[in-house]
Amino acid sequence: GPLGNPILLGIVAACGLAAAIARLARPASDPWRLAPIAAVN
């Protein structure tokens, strides 16, 4: 990706996944928006 190294990309994607999951676990969040984001990361 734009990180120049698969390891660095994997870490940034893992951070995006963790943040999206944390928001997805909220009862009031929008699963139709957050679930695809988490899946892509």
Full PDB file with SEQRES, HELIX, SHEET, SSBOND, CRYST1, ORIGX, SCALE, CONECT and MASTER records, all heavy atoms in Angstrom:
SEQRES   1 A   41  GLY PRO LEU GLY ASN PRO ILE LEU LEU GLY ILE VAL ALA          
SEQRES   2 A   41  ALA CYS GLY LEU ALA ALA ALA ILE ALA ARG LEU ALA ARG          
SEQRES   3 A   41  PRO ALA SER ASP PRO TRP ARG LEU ALA PRO ILE ALA ALA          
SEQRES   4 A   41  VAL ASN                                                      
HELIX    1 AA1 PRO A    6  LEU A   24  1                                  19    
HELIX    2 AA2 PRO A   31  VAL A   40  1                                  10    
CRYST1    1.000    1.000    1.000  90.00  90.00  90.00 P 1           1          
ORIGX1      1.000000  0.000000  0.000000        0.00000                         
ORIGX2      0.000000  1.000000  0.000000        0.00000                         
ORIGX3      0.000000  0.000000  1.000000        0.00000                         
SCALE1      1.000000  0.000000  0.000000        0.00000                         
SCALE2      0.000000  1.000000  0.000000        0.00000                         
SCALE3      0.000000  0.000000  1.000000        0.00000                         
ATOM      1  N   GLY A   1       0.813  -1.206   0.000  1.00  0.00           N  
ATOM      2  CA  GLY A   1       0.000   0.000   0.000  1.00  0.00           C  
ATOM      3  C   GLY A   1       0.850   1.262   0.000  1.00  0.00           C  
ATOM      4  O   GLY A   1       1.929   1.311  -0.606  1.00  0.00           O  
ATOM      5  N   PRO A   2       0.403   2.305   0.681  1.00  0.00           N  
ATOM      6  CA  PRO A   2       1.179   3.545   0.755  1.00  0.00           C  
ATOM      7  C   PRO A   2       2.209   3.541   1.879  1.00  0.00           C  
ATOM      8  O   PRO A   2       2.817   4.575   2.147  1.00  0.00           O  
ATOM      9  CB  PRO A   2       0.103   4.602   1.022  1.00  0.00           C  
ATOM     10  CG  PRO A   2      -0.927   3.874   1.796  1.00  0.00           C  
ATOM     11  CD  PRO A   2      -0.931   2.468   1.276  1.00  0.00           C  
ATOM     12  N   LEU A   3       2.417   2.407   2.535  1.00  0.00           N  
ATOM     13  CA  LEU A   3       3.378   2.332   3.644  1.00  0.00           C  
ATOM     14  C   LEU A   3       4.746   1.874   3.192  1.00  0.00           C  
ATOM     15  O   LEU A   3       5.735   2.057   3.912  1.00  0.00           O  
ATOM     16  CB  LEU A   3       2.861   1.390   4.730  1.00  0.00           C  
ATOM     17  CG  LEU A   3       1.830   1.934   5.730  1.00  0.00           C  
ATOM     18  CD1 LEU A   3       2.368   3.146   6.457  1.00  0.00           C  
ATOM     19  CD2 LEU A   3       0.500   2.237   5.092  1.00  0.00           C  
ATOM     20  N   GLY A   4       4.848   1.233   2.032  1.00  0.00           N  
ATOM     21  CA  GLY A   4       6.134   0.833   1.495  1.00  0.00           C  
ATOM     22  C   GLY A   4       6.645  -0.501   1.983  1.00  0.00           C  
ATOM     23  O   GLY A   4       7.679  -0.969   1.503  1.00  0.00           O  
ATOM     24  N   ASN A   5       5.956  -1.132   2.913  1.00  0.00           N  
ATOM     25  CA  ASN A   5       6.403  -2.398   3.480  1.00  0.00           C  
ATOM     26  C   ASN A   5       5.185  -3.185   3.947  1.00  0.00           C  
ATOM     27  O   ASN A   5       4.303  -2.620   4.605  1.00  0.00           O  
ATOM     28  CB  ASN A   5       7.361  -2.146   4.651  1.00  0.00           C  
ATOM     29  CG  ASN A   5       7.956  -3.411   5.206  1.00  0.00           C  
ATOM     30  OD1 ASN A   5       7.284  -4.183   5.890  1.00  0.00           O  
ATOM     31  ND2 ASN A   5       9.228  -3.635   4.929  1.00  0.00           N  
ATOM     32  N   PRO A   6       5.097  -4.487   3.618  1.00  0.00           N  
ATOM     33  CA  PRO A   6       3.926  -5.269   4.033  1.00  0.00           C  
ATOM     34  C   PRO A   6       3.727  -5.304   5.547  1.00  0.00           C  
ATOM     35  O   PRO A   6       2.582  -5.308   6.022  1.00  0.00           O  
ATOM     36  CB  PRO A   6       4.215  -6.671   3.480  1.00  0.00           C  
ATOM     37  CG  PRO A   6       5.187  -6.457   2.364  1.00  0.00           C  
ATOM     38  CD  PRO A   6       6.014  -5.279   2.767  1.00  0.00           C  
ATOM     39  N   ILE A   7       4.825  -5.314   6.311  1.00  0.00           N  
ATOM     40  CA  ILE A   7       4.698  -5.358   7.770  1.00  0.00           C  
ATOM     41  C   ILE A   7       4.055  -4.076   8.281  1.00  0.00           C  
ATOM     42  O   ILE A   7       3.132  -4.108   9.104  1.00  0.00           O  
ATOM     43  CB  ILE A   7       6.072  -5.588   8.415  1.00  0.00           C  
ATOM     44  CG1 ILE A   7       6.616  -6.966   8.044  1.00  0.00           C  
ATOM     45  CG2 ILE A   7       5.982  -5.441   9.927  1.00  0.00           C  
ATOM     46  CD1 ILE A   7       8.021  -7.218   8.538  1.00  0.00           C  
ATOM     47  N   LEU A   8       4.538  -2.938   7.784  1.00  0.00           N  
ATOM     48  CA  LEU A   8       3.981  -1.658   8.234  1.00  0.00           C  
ATOM     49  C   LEU A   8       2.522  -1.522   7.814  1.00  0.00           C  
ATOM     50  O   LEU A   8       1.689  -1.020   8.577  1.00  0.00           O  
ATOM     51  CB  LEU A   8       4.804  -0.503   7.665  1.00  0.00           C  
ATOM     52  CG  LEU A   8       6.298  -0.503   8.026  1.00  0.00           C  
ATOM     53  CD1 LEU A   8       6.975   0.726   7.434  1.00  0.00           C  
ATOM     54  CD2 LEU A   8       6.480  -0.546   9.536  1.00  0.00           C  
ATOM     55  N   LEU A   9       2.202  -1.969   6.600  1.00  0.00           N  
ATOM     56  CA  LEU A   9       0.809  -1.938   6.165  1.00  0.00           C  
ATOM     57  C   LEU A   9      -0.055  -2.814   7.054  1.00  0.00           C  
ATOM     58  O   LEU A   9      -1.164  -2.425   7.453  1.00  0.00           O  
ATOM     59  CB  LEU A   9       0.697  -2.397   4.711  1.00  0.00           C  
ATOM     60  CG  LEU A   9      -0.726  -2.633   4.215  1.00  0.00           C  
ATOM     61  CD1 LEU A   9      -1.503  -1.333   4.132  1.00  0.00           C  
ATOM     62  CD2 LEU A   9      -0.750  -3.367   2.886  1.00  0.00           C  
ATOM     63  N   GLY A  10       0.437  -4.012   7.379  1.00  0.00           N  
ATOM     64  CA  GLY A  10      -0.331  -4.913   8.233  1.00  0.00           C  
ATOM     65  C   GLY A  10      -0.616  -4.322   9.597  1.00  0.00           C  
ATOM     66  O   GLY A  10      -1.709  -4.492  10.144  1.00  0.00           O  
ATOM     67  N   ILE A  11       0.346  -3.586  10.148  1.00  0.00           N  
ATOM     68  CA  ILE A  11       0.143  -2.972  11.468  1.00  0.00           C  
ATOM     69  C   ILE A  11      -0.902  -1.866  11.398  1.00  0.00           C  
ATOM     70  O   ILE A  11      -1.792  -1.772  12.252  1.00  0.00           O  
ATOM     71  CB  ILE A  11       1.479  -2.437  12.004  1.00  0.00           C  
ATOM     72  CG1 ILE A  11       2.427  -3.602  12.308  1.00  0.00           C  
ATOM     73  CG2 ILE A  11       1.267  -1.592  13.255  1.00  0.00           C  
ATOM     74  CD1 ILE A  11       3.832  -3.175  12.654  1.00  0.00           C  
ATOM     75  N   VAL A  12      -0.831  -1.008  10.368  1.00  0.00           N  
ATOM     76  CA  VAL A  12      -1.816   0.062  10.225  1.00  0.00           C  
ATOM     77  C   VAL A  12      -3.207  -0.531   9.981  1.00  0.00           C  
ATOM     78  O   VAL A  12      -4.209  -0.065  10.553  1.00  0.00           O  
ATOM     79  CB  VAL A  12      -1.411   1.010   9.086  1.00  0.00           C  
ATOM     80  CG1 VAL A  12      -2.534   1.985   8.766  1.00  0.00           C  
ATOM     81  CG2 VAL A  12      -0.156   1.777   9.466  1.00  0.00           C  
ATOM     82  N   ALA A  13      -3.292  -1.568   9.140  1.00  0.00           N  
ATOM     83  CA  ALA A  13      -4.587  -2.214   8.903  1.00  0.00           C  
ATOM     84  C   ALA A  13      -5.121  -2.854  10.180  1.00  0.00           C  
ATOM     85  O   ALA A  13      -6.331  -2.819  10.445  1.00  0.00           O  
ATOM     86  CB  ALA A  13      -4.445  -3.259   7.797  1.00  0.00           C  
ATOM     87  N   ALA A  14      -4.232  -3.435  10.986  1.00  0.00           N  
ATOM     88  CA  ALA A  14      -4.662  -4.024  12.253  1.00  0.00           C  
ATOM     89  C   ALA A  14      -5.201  -2.953  13.195  1.00  0.00           C  
ATOM     90  O   ALA A  14      -6.187  -3.174  13.911  1.00  0.00           O  
ATOM     91  CB  ALA A  14      -3.497  -4.765  12.905  1.00  0.00           C  
ATOM     92  N   CYS A  15      -4.578  -1.766  13.199  1.00  0.00           N  
ATOM     93  CA  CYS A  15      -5.087  -0.661  14.018  1.00  0.00           C  
ATOM     94  C   CYS A  15      -6.471  -0.225  13.536  1.00  0.00           C  
ATOM     95  O   CYS A  15      -7.369   0.034  14.344  1.00  0.00           O  
ATOM     96  CB  CYS A  15      -4.116   0.518  13.972  1.00  0.00           C  
ATOM     97  SG  CYS A  15      -2.561   0.252  14.847  1.00  0.00           S  
ATOM     98  N   GLY A  16      -6.638  -0.123  12.216  1.00  0.00           N  
ATOM     99  CA  GLY A  16      -7.947   0.234  11.680  1.00  0.00           C  
ATOM    100  C   GLY A  16      -9.000  -0.803  12.013  1.00  0.00           C  
ATOM    101  O   GLY A  16     -10.148  -0.460  12.336  1.00  0.00           O  
ATOM    102  N   LEU A  17      -8.629  -2.084  11.948  1.00  0.00           N  
ATOM    103  CA  LEU A  17      -9.563  -3.154  12.294  1.00  0.00           C  
ATOM    104  C   LEU A  17      -9.972  -3.069  13.757  1.00  0.00           C  
ATOM    105  O   LEU A  17     -11.164  -3.165  14.089  1.00  0.00           O  
ATOM    106  CB  LEU A  17      -8.902  -4.506  12.004  1.00  0.00           C  
ATOM    107  CG  LEU A  17      -9.652  -5.749  12.488  1.00  0.00           C  
ATOM    108  CD1 LEU A  17     -10.984  -5.888  11.768  1.00  0.00           C  
ATOM    109  CD2 LEU A  17      -8.795  -7.009  12.289  1.00  0.00           C  
ATOM    110  N   ALA A  18      -8.998  -2.888  14.661  1.00  0.00           N  
ATOM    111  CA  ALA A  18      -9.299  -2.831  16.092  1.00  0.00           C  
ATOM    112  C   ALA A  18     -10.203  -1.647  16.419  1.00  0.00           C  
ATOM    113  O   ALA A  18     -11.161  -1.775  17.204  1.00  0.00           O  
ATOM    114  CB  ALA A  18      -7.999  -2.746  16.891  1.00  0.00           C  
ATOM    115  N   ALA A  19      -9.916  -0.479  15.821  1.00  0.00           N  
ATOM    116  CA  ALA A  19     -10.747   0.703  16.079  1.00  0.00           C  
ATOM    117  C   ALA A  19     -12.161   0.506  15.550  1.00  0.00           C  
ATOM    118  O   ALA A  19     -13.143   0.889  16.200  1.00  0.00           O  
ATOM    119  CB  ALA A  19     -10.107   1.930  15.439  1.00  0.00           C  
ATOM    120  N   ALA A  20     -12.289  -0.092  14.367  1.00  0.00           N  
ATOM    121  CA  ALA A  20     -13.619  -0.337  13.802  1.00  0.00           C  
ATOM    122  C   ALA A  20     -14.414  -1.335  14.635  1.00  0.00           C  
ATOM    123  O   ALA A  20     -15.619  -1.172  14.848  1.00  0.00           O  
ATOM    124  CB  ALA A  20     -13.480  -0.828  12.361  1.00  0.00           C  
ATOM    125  N   ILE A  21     -13.735  -2.381  15.136  1.00  0.00           N  
ATOM    126  CA  ILE A  21     -14.413  -3.359  15.989  1.00  0.00           C  
ATOM    127  C   ILE A  21     -14.874  -2.718  17.285  1.00  0.00           C  
ATOM    128  O   ILE A  21     -15.982  -2.985  17.788  1.00  0.00           O  
ATOM    129  CB  ILE A  21     -13.479  -4.550  16.274  1.00  0.00           C  
ATOM    130  CG1 ILE A  21     -13.239  -5.356  14.995  1.00  0.00           C  
ATOM    131  CG2 ILE A  21     -14.067  -5.457  17.356  1.00  0.00           C  
ATOM    132  CD1 ILE A  21     -14.466  -6.043  14.445  1.00  0.00           C  
ATOM    133  N   ALA A  22     -14.035  -1.842  17.870  1.00  0.00           N  
ATOM    134  CA  ALA A  22     -14.420  -1.162  19.111  1.00  0.00           C  
ATOM    135  C   ALA A  22     -15.677  -0.326  18.911  1.00  0.00           C  
ATOM    136  O   ALA A  22     -16.549  -0.269  19.792  1.00  0.00           O  
ATOM    137  CB  ALA A  22     -13.263  -0.293  19.605  1.00  0.00           C  
ATOM    138  N   ARG A  23     -15.786   0.318  17.776  1.00  0.00           N  
ATOM    139  CA  ARG A  23     -16.997   1.098  17.503  1.00  0.00           C  
ATOM    140  C   ARG A  23     -18.167   0.197  17.130  1.00  0.00           C  
ATOM    141  O   ARG A  23     -19.318   0.485  17.470  1.00  0.00           O  
ATOM    142  CB  ARG A  23     -16.724   2.094  16.377  1.00  0.00           C  
ATOM    143  CG  ARG A  23     -15.886   3.273  16.830  1.00  0.00           C  
ATOM    144  CD  ARG A  23     -15.882   4.372  15.801  1.00  0.00           C  
ATOM    145  NE  ARG A  23     -15.350   5.614  16.362  1.00  0.00           N  
ATOM    146  CZ  ARG A  23     -15.186   6.719  15.672  1.00  0.00           C  
ATOM    147  NH1 ARG A  23     -15.511   6.759  14.383  1.00  0.00           N  
ATOM    148  NH2 ARG A  23     -14.710   7.800  16.253  1.00  0.00           N  
ATOM    149  N   LEU A  24     -17.866  -0.886  16.429  1.00  0.00           N  
ATOM    150  CA  LEU A  24     -18.940  -1.807  16.041  1.00  0.00           C  
ATOM    151  C   LEU A  24     -19.590  -2.444  17.256  1.00  0.00           C  
ATOM    152  O   LEU A  24     -20.773  -2.797  17.222  1.00  0.00           O  
ATOM    153  CB  LEU A  24     -18.371  -2.886  15.116  1.00  0.00           C  
ATOM    154  CG  LEU A  24     -19.352  -3.875  14.480  1.00  0.00           C  
ATOM    155  CD1 LEU A  24     -20.369  -3.143  13.613  1.00  0.00           C  
ATOM    156  CD2 LEU A  24     -18.594  -4.914  13.667  1.00  0.00           C  
ATOM    157  N   ALA A  25     -18.832  -2.596  18.349  1.00  0.00           N  
ATOM    158  CA  ALA A  25     -19.377  -3.215  19.558  1.00  0.00           C  
ATOM    159  C   ALA A  25     -20.331  -2.304  20.315  1.00  0.00           C  
ATOM    160  O   ALA A  25     -21.030  -2.769  21.228  1.00  0.00           O  
ATOM    161  CB  ALA A  25     -18.228  -3.632  20.480  1.00  0.00           C  
ATOM    162  N   ARG A  26     -20.389  -1.034  19.952  1.00  0.00           N  
ATOM    163  CA  ARG A  26     -21.330  -0.132  20.607  1.00  0.00           C  
ATOM    164  C   ARG A  26     -22.754  -0.410  20.116  1.00  0.00           C  
ATOM    165  O   ARG A  26     -22.989  -0.562  18.920  1.00  0.00           O  
ATOM    166  CB  ARG A  26     -20.978   1.320  20.304  1.00  0.00           C  
ATOM    167  CG  ARG A  26     -19.652   1.785  20.874  1.00  0.00           C  
ATOM    168  CD  ARG A  26     -19.371   3.207  20.419  1.00  0.00           C  
ATOM    169  NE  ARG A  26     -18.120   3.716  20.961  1.00  0.00           N  
ATOM    170  CZ  ARG A  26     -17.600   4.889  20.640  1.00  0.00           C  
ATOM    171  NH1 ARG A  26     -18.226   5.672  19.761  1.00  0.00           N  
ATOM    172  NH2 ARG A  26     -16.465   5.274  21.181  1.00  0.00           N  
ATOM    173  N   PRO A  27     -23.721  -0.448  21.004  1.00  0.00           N  
ATOM    174  CA  PRO A  27     -25.100  -0.722  20.574  1.00  0.00           C  
ATOM    175  C   PRO A  27     -25.649   0.309  19.597  1.00  0.00           C  
ATOM    176  O   PRO A  27     -26.459  -0.017  18.729  1.00  0.00           O  
ATOM    177  CB  PRO A  27     -25.889  -0.717  21.894  1.00  0.00           C  
ATOM    178  CG  PRO A  27     -24.875  -1.001  22.950  1.00  0.00           C  
ATOM    179  CD  PRO A  27     -23.603  -0.380  22.470  1.00  0.00           C  
ATOM    180  N   ALA A  28     -25.214   1.561  19.710  1.00  0.00           N  
ATOM    181  CA  ALA A  28     -25.780   2.625  18.878  1.00  0.00           C  
ATOM    182  C   ALA A  28     -25.027   2.840  17.573  1.00  0.00           C  
ATOM    183  O   ALA A  28     -25.365   3.751  16.821  1.00  0.00           O  
ATOM    184  CB  ALA A  28     -25.810   3.935  19.668  1.00  0.00           C  
ATOM    185  N   SER A  29     -24.004   2.042  17.276  1.00  0.00           N  
ATOM    186  CA  SER A  29     -23.209   2.252  16.073  1.00  0.00           C  
ATOM    187  C   SER A  29     -23.932   1.726  14.831  1.00  0.00           C  
ATOM    188  O   SER A  29     -24.950   1.024  14.925  1.00  0.00           O  
ATOM    189  CB  SER A  29     -21.860   1.556  16.211  1.00  0.00           C  
ATOM    190  OG  SER A  29     -22.036   0.161  16.351  1.00  0.00           O  
ATOM    191  N   ASP A  30     -23.406   2.075  13.675  1.00  0.00           N  
ATOM    192  CA  ASP A  30     -23.996   1.679  12.396  1.00  0.00           C  
ATOM    193  C   ASP A  30     -23.255   0.455  11.854  1.00  0.00           C  
ATOM    194  O   ASP A  30     -22.167   0.584  11.281  1.00  0.00           O  
ATOM    195  CB  ASP A  30     -23.902   2.839  11.406  1.00  0.00           C  
ATOM    196  CG  ASP A  30     -24.533   2.505  10.055  1.00  0.00           C  
ATOM    197  OD1 ASP A  30     -25.163   1.437   9.954  1.00  0.00           O  
ATOM    198  OD2 ASP A  30     -24.393   3.315   9.124  1.00  0.00           O  
ATOM    199  N   PRO A  31     -23.794  -0.750  11.993  1.00  0.00           N  
ATOM    200  CA  PRO A  31     -23.073  -1.949  11.540  1.00  0.00           C  
ATOM    201  C   PRO A  31     -22.920  -2.025  10.032  1.00  0.00           C  
ATOM    202  O   PRO A  31     -21.960  -2.622   9.532  1.00  0.00           O  
ATOM    203  CB  PRO A  31     -23.936  -3.098  12.082  1.00  0.00           C  
ATOM    204  CG  PRO A  31     -25.295  -2.510  12.223  1.00  0.00           C  
ATOM    205  CD  PRO A  31     -25.105  -1.081  12.581  1.00  0.00           C  
ATOM    206  N   TRP A  32     -23.850  -1.444   9.273  1.00  0.00           N  
ATOM    207  CA  TRP A  32     -23.773  -1.524   7.814  1.00  0.00           C  
ATOM    208  C   TRP A  32     -22.618  -0.694   7.269  1.00  0.00           C  
ATOM    209  O   TRP A  32     -22.146  -0.940   6.151  1.00  0.00           O  
ATOM    210  CB  TRP A  32     -25.082  -1.063   7.197  1.00  0.00           C  
ATOM    211  CG  TRP A  32     -26.240  -1.933   7.588  1.00  0.00           C  
ATOM    212  CD1 TRP A  32     -27.228  -1.635   8.467  1.00  0.00           C  
ATOM    213  CD2 TRP A  32     -26.486  -3.260   7.129  1.00  0.00           C  
ATOM    214  NE1 TRP A  32     -28.097  -2.692   8.593  1.00  0.00           N  
ATOM    215  CE2 TRP A  32     -27.666  -3.706   7.781  1.00  0.00           C  
ATOM    216  CE3 TRP A  32     -25.850  -4.127   6.233  1.00  0.00           C  
ATOM    217  CZ2 TRP A  32     -28.210  -4.966   7.557  1.00  0.00           C  
ATOM    218  CZ3 TRP A  32     -26.387  -5.376   6.015  1.00  0.00           C  
ATOM    219  CH2 TRP A  32     -27.553  -5.789   6.672  1.00  0.00           C  
ATOM    220  N   ARG A  33     -22.149   0.269   8.027  1.00  0.00           N  
ATOM    221  CA  ARG A  33     -20.992   1.060   7.611  1.00  0.00           C  
ATOM    222  C   ARG A  33     -19.703   0.511   8.196  1.00  0.00           C  
ATOM    223  O   ARG A  33     -18.680   0.441   7.506  1.00  0.00           O  
ATOM    224  CB  ARG A  33     -21.178   2.518   8.055  1.00  0.00           C  
ATOM    225  CG  ARG A  33     -20.016   3.426   7.707  1.00  0.00           C  
ATOM    226  CD  ARG A  33     -20.333   4.867   8.103  1.00  0.00           C  
ATOM    227  NE  ARG A  33     -20.598   4.979   9.524  1.00  0.00           N  
ATOM    228  CZ  ARG A  33     -19.666   5.201  10.452  1.00  0.00           C  
ATOM    229  NH1 ARG A  33     -18.399   5.299  10.088  1.00  0.00           N  
ATOM    230  NH2 ARG A  33     -19.995   5.307  11.715  1.00  0.00           N  
ATOM    231  N   LEU A  34     -19.728   0.085   9.451  1.00  0.00           N  
ATOM    232  CA  LEU A  34     -18.503  -0.331  10.123  1.00  0.00           C  
ATOM    233  C   LEU A  34     -18.076  -1.748   9.749  1.00  0.00           C  
ATOM    234  O   LEU A  34     -16.874  -2.035   9.695  1.00  0.00           O  
ATOM    235  CB  LEU A  34     -18.686  -0.228  11.637  1.00  0.00           C  
ATOM    236  CG  LEU A  34     -18.764   1.188  12.197  1.00  0.00           C  
ATOM    237  CD1 LEU A  34     -19.172   1.171  13.662  1.00  0.00           C  
ATOM    238  CD2 LEU A  34     -17.434   1.905  12.039  1.00  0.00           C  
ATOM    239  N   ALA A  35     -19.025  -2.647   9.504  1.00  0.00           N  
ATOM    240  CA  ALA A  35     -18.665  -4.029   9.178  1.00  0.00           C  
ATOM    241  C   ALA A  35     -17.840  -4.126   7.888  1.00  0.00           C  
ATOM    242  O   ALA A  35     -16.796  -4.806   7.869  1.00  0.00           O  
ATOM    243  CB  ALA A  35     -19.919  -4.892   9.094  1.00  0.00           C  
ATOM    244  N   PRO A  36     -18.239  -3.462   6.783  1.00  0.00           N  
ATOM    245  CA  PRO A  36     -17.380  -3.518   5.587  1.00  0.00           C  
ATOM    246  C   PRO A  36     -16.001  -2.891   5.813  1.00  0.00           C  
ATOM    247  O   PRO A  36     -14.998  -3.383   5.279  1.00  0.00           O  
ATOM    248  CB  PRO A  36     -18.187  -2.727   4.545  1.00  0.00           C  
ATOM    249  CG  PRO A  36     -19.587  -2.769   5.019  1.00  0.00           C  
ATOM    250  CD  PRO A  36     -19.510  -2.776   6.511  1.00  0.00           C  
ATOM    251  N   ILE A  37     -15.954  -1.820   6.601  1.00  0.00           N  
ATOM    252  CA  ILE A  37     -14.664  -1.193   6.901  1.00  0.00           C  
ATOM    253  C   ILE A  37     -13.761  -2.167   7.645  1.00  0.00           C  
ATOM    254  O   ILE A  37     -12.570  -2.319   7.316  1.00  0.00           O  
ATOM    255  CB  ILE A  37     -14.887   0.090   7.719  1.00  0.00           C  
ATOM    256  CG1 ILE A  37     -15.502   1.182   6.840  1.00  0.00           C  
ATOM    257  CG2 ILE A  37     -13.577   0.578   8.341  1.00  0.00           C  
ATOM    258  CD1 ILE A  37     -15.875   2.442   7.598  1.00  0.00           C  
ATOM    259  N   ALA A  38     -14.311  -2.829   8.654  1.00  0.00           N  
ATOM    260  CA  ALA A  38     -13.522  -3.808   9.408  1.00  0.00           C  
ATOM    261  C   ALA A  38     -13.080  -4.966   8.510  1.00  0.00           C  
ATOM    262  O   ALA A  38     -11.942  -5.451   8.616  1.00  0.00           O  
ATOM    263  CB  ALA A  38     -14.325  -4.325  10.591  1.00  0.00           C  
ATOM    264  N   ALA A  39     -13.960  -5.400   7.614  1.00  0.00           N  
ATOM    265  CA  ALA A  39     -13.623  -6.512   6.721  1.00  0.00           C  
ATOM    266  C   ALA A  39     -12.489  -6.139   5.781  1.00  0.00           C  
ATOM    267  O   ALA A  39     -11.575  -6.946   5.534  1.00  0.00           O  
ATOM    268  CB  ALA A  39     -14.865  -6.926   5.933  1.00  0.00           C  
ATOM    269  N   VAL A  40     -12.517  -4.929   5.227  1.00  0.00           N  
ATOM    270  CA  VAL A  40     -11.462  -4.481   4.317  1.00  0.00           C  
ATOM    271  C   VAL A  40     -10.119  -4.428   5.040  1.00  0.00           C  
ATOM    272  O   VAL A  40      -9.095  -4.906   4.530  1.00  0.00           O  
ATOM    273  CB  VAL A  40     -11.823  -3.100   3.717  1.00  0.00           C  
ATOM    274  CG1 VAL A  40     -10.613  -2.484   3.032  1.00  0.00           C  
ATOM    275  CG2 VAL A  40     -12.977  -3.243   2.734  1.00  0.00           C  
ATOM    276  N   ASN A  41     -10.100  -3.862   6.255  1.00  0.00           N  
ATOM    277  CA  ASN A  41      -8.852  -3.801   7.013  1.00  0.00           C  
ATOM    278  C   ASN A  41      -8.363  -5.189   7.403  1.00  0.00           C  
ATOM    279  O   ASN A  41      -7.158  -5.466   7.366  1.00  0.00           O  
ATOM    280  CB  ASN A  41      -9.041  -2.931   8.258  1.00  0.00           C  
ATOM    281  CG  ASN A  41      -9.033  -1.448   7.960  1.00  0.00           C  
ATOM    282  OD1 ASN A  41      -7.987  -0.827   7.845  1.00  0.00           O  
ATOM    283  ND2 ASN A  41     -10.216  -0.863   7.813  1.00  0.00           N  
TER     284      ASN A  41                                                      
MASTER        0    0    0    2    0    0    0    6  283    1    0    4          
END                                                                             
